[in-house]
Amino acid sequence: MKIIQKGNLKRKDKRYRFDCRVCGCVFECEDDEVREMFGSYNETVFAHDCPTCSEIVYGEQIVYRESVQDY
């Protein structure tokens, strides 16, 4: 293996995308704005309050600058 560029484990370009099922608002949050929770089957779930209707929105989607990855 040849490492071309070392990675950074504390990347700040990580964002979380949420879709509110109550009002339909779609929003993104920075890494330090979300609450990390544990769901069933030891999975990690992220939560944030909807900026429109204030409902708690749960998500598992991490959006990077280059691509989208679902967890």
C-alpha atoms as a PDB file:
ATOM      1  CA  MET A   1       0.000   0.000   0.000  1.00  0.00           C
ATOM      2  CA  LYS A   2       1.192   3.507  -0.792  1.00  0.00           C
ATOM      3  CA  ILE A   3      -0.325   6.463   1.068  1.00  0.00           C
ATOM      4  CA  ILE A   4      -0.658   9.442  -1.282  1.00  0.00           C
ATOM      5  CA  GLN A   5      -1.987  11.875   1.319  1.00  0.00           C
ATOM      6  CA  LYS A   6      -2.493  11.273   5.021  1.00  0.00           C
ATOM      7  CA  GLY A   7      -6.051  11.560   6.273  1.00  0.00           C
ATOM      8  CA  ASN A   8      -7.342  13.642   9.152  1.00  0.00           C
ATOM      9  CA  LEU A   9      -9.518  11.785  11.647  1.00  0.00           C
ATOM     10  CA  LYS A  10     -10.949  15.055  12.999  1.00  0.00           C
ATOM     11  CA  ARG A  11     -12.270  16.426   9.708  1.00  0.00           C
ATOM     12  CA  LYS A  12     -14.500  19.481  10.037  1.00  0.00           C
ATOM     13  CA  ASP A  13     -16.028  19.256   6.550  1.00  0.00           C
ATOM     14  CA  LYS A  14     -18.432  16.545   7.730  1.00  0.00           C
ATOM     15  CA  ARG A  15     -22.107  17.555   7.619  1.00  0.00           C
ATOM     16  CA  TYR A  16     -25.308  15.736   8.496  1.00  0.00           C
ATOM     17  CA  ARG A  17     -28.423  15.987   6.343  1.00  0.00           C
ATOM     18  CA  PHE A  18     -31.885  15.681   7.846  1.00  0.00           C
ATOM     19  CA  ASP A  19     -35.359  15.422   6.287  1.00  0.00           C
ATOM     20  CA  CYS A  20     -38.200  16.408   8.616  1.00  0.00           C
ATOM     21  CA  ARG A  21     -41.187  14.106   8.134  1.00  0.00           C
ATOM     22  CA  VAL A  22     -43.541  16.554   9.858  1.00  0.00           C
ATOM     23  CA  CYS A  23     -43.075  19.733   7.804  1.00  0.00           C
ATOM     24  CA  GLY A  24     -40.810  18.582   4.945  1.00  0.00           C
ATOM     25  CA  CYS A  25     -37.842  20.811   5.840  1.00  0.00           C
ATOM     26  CA  VAL A  26     -34.473  19.563   4.546  1.00  0.00           C
ATOM     27  CA  PHE A  27     -31.449  20.921   6.395  1.00  0.00           C
ATOM     28  CA  GLU A  28     -27.791  20.220   7.058  1.00  0.00           C
ATOM     29  CA  CYS A  29     -25.846  20.570  10.299  1.00  0.00           C
ATOM     30  CA  GLU A  30     -22.179  20.759  11.181  1.00  0.00           C
ATOM     31  CA  ASP A  31     -20.495  17.987  13.112  1.00  0.00           C
ATOM     32  CA  ASP A  32     -20.622  19.871  16.423  1.00  0.00           C
ATOM     33  CA  GLU A  33     -24.350  20.732  16.125  1.00  0.00           C
ATOM     34  CA  VAL A  34     -25.822  17.215  16.162  1.00  0.00           C
ATOM     35  CA  ARG A  35     -26.620  14.906  19.064  1.00  0.00           C
ATOM     36  CA  GLU A  36     -25.199  11.419  18.713  1.00  0.00           C
ATOM     37  CA  MET A  37     -27.467   8.683  20.047  1.00  0.00           C
ATOM     38  CA  PHE A  38     -27.514   4.904  20.021  1.00  0.00           C
ATOM     39  CA  GLY A  39     -30.439   3.183  18.364  1.00  0.00           C
ATOM     40  CA  SER A  40     -31.499  -0.422  18.404  1.00  0.00           C
ATOM     41  CA  TYR A  41     -28.960  -3.059  17.331  1.00  0.00           C
ATOM     42  CA  ASN A  42     -26.038  -0.832  18.504  1.00  0.00           C
ATOM     43  CA  GLU A  43     -26.347   1.570  15.575  1.00  0.00           C
ATOM     44  CA  THR A  44     -25.450   5.239  15.817  1.00  0.00           C
ATOM     45  CA  VAL A  45     -28.244   7.699  15.053  1.00  0.00           C
ATOM     46  CA  PHE A  46     -27.869  11.471  14.827  1.00  0.00           C
ATOM     47  CA  ALA A  47     -30.546  13.922  15.963  1.00  0.00           C
ATOM     48  CA  HIS A  48     -31.260  17.647  15.665  1.00  0.00           C
ATOM     49  CA  ASP A  49     -34.289  19.882  16.168  1.00  0.00           C
ATOM     50  CA  CYS A  50     -36.021  20.965  12.972  1.00  0.00           C
ATOM     51  CA  PRO A  51     -35.466  24.709  12.419  1.00  0.00           C
ATOM     52  CA  THR A  52     -39.024  25.100  11.068  1.00  0.00           C
ATOM     53  CA  CYS A  53     -41.313  23.081  13.349  1.00  0.00           C
ATOM     54  CA  SER A  54     -38.931  22.222  16.260  1.00  0.00           C
ATOM     55  CA  GLU A  55     -39.626  18.470  16.056  1.00  0.00           C
ATOM     56  CA  ILE A  56     -36.694  16.165  16.781  1.00  0.00           C
ATOM     57  CA  VAL A  57     -35.413  14.766  13.476  1.00  0.00           C
ATOM     58  CA  TYR A  58     -33.340  11.596  13.408  1.00  0.00           C
ATOM     59  CA  GLY A  59     -30.957  10.735  10.620  1.00  0.00           C
ATOM     60  CA  GLU A  60     -28.130   8.417   9.706  1.00  0.00           C
ATOM     61  CA  GLN A  61     -26.809  10.213   6.647  1.00  0.00           C
ATOM     62  CA  ILE A  62     -23.396  11.856   6.591  1.00  0.00           C
ATOM     63  CA  VAL A  63     -22.681  14.241   3.721  1.00  0.00           C
ATOM     64  CA  TYR A  64     -19.066  14.859   2.794  1.00  0.00           C
ATOM     65  CA  ARG A  65     -17.867  17.578   0.478  1.00  0.00           C
ATOM     66  CA  GLU A  66     -17.164  15.124  -2.351  1.00  0.00           C
ATOM     67  CA  SER A  67     -19.753  12.396  -1.868  1.00  0.00           C
ATOM     68  CA  VAL A  68     -22.738  11.126   0.116  1.00  0.00           C
ATOM     69  CA  GLN A  69     -22.496   8.076   2.354  1.00  0.00           C
ATOM     70  CA  ASP A  70     -25.362   6.385   4.177  1.00  0.00           C
ATOM     71  CA  TYR A  71     -24.750   4.683   7.497  1.00  0.00           C
END
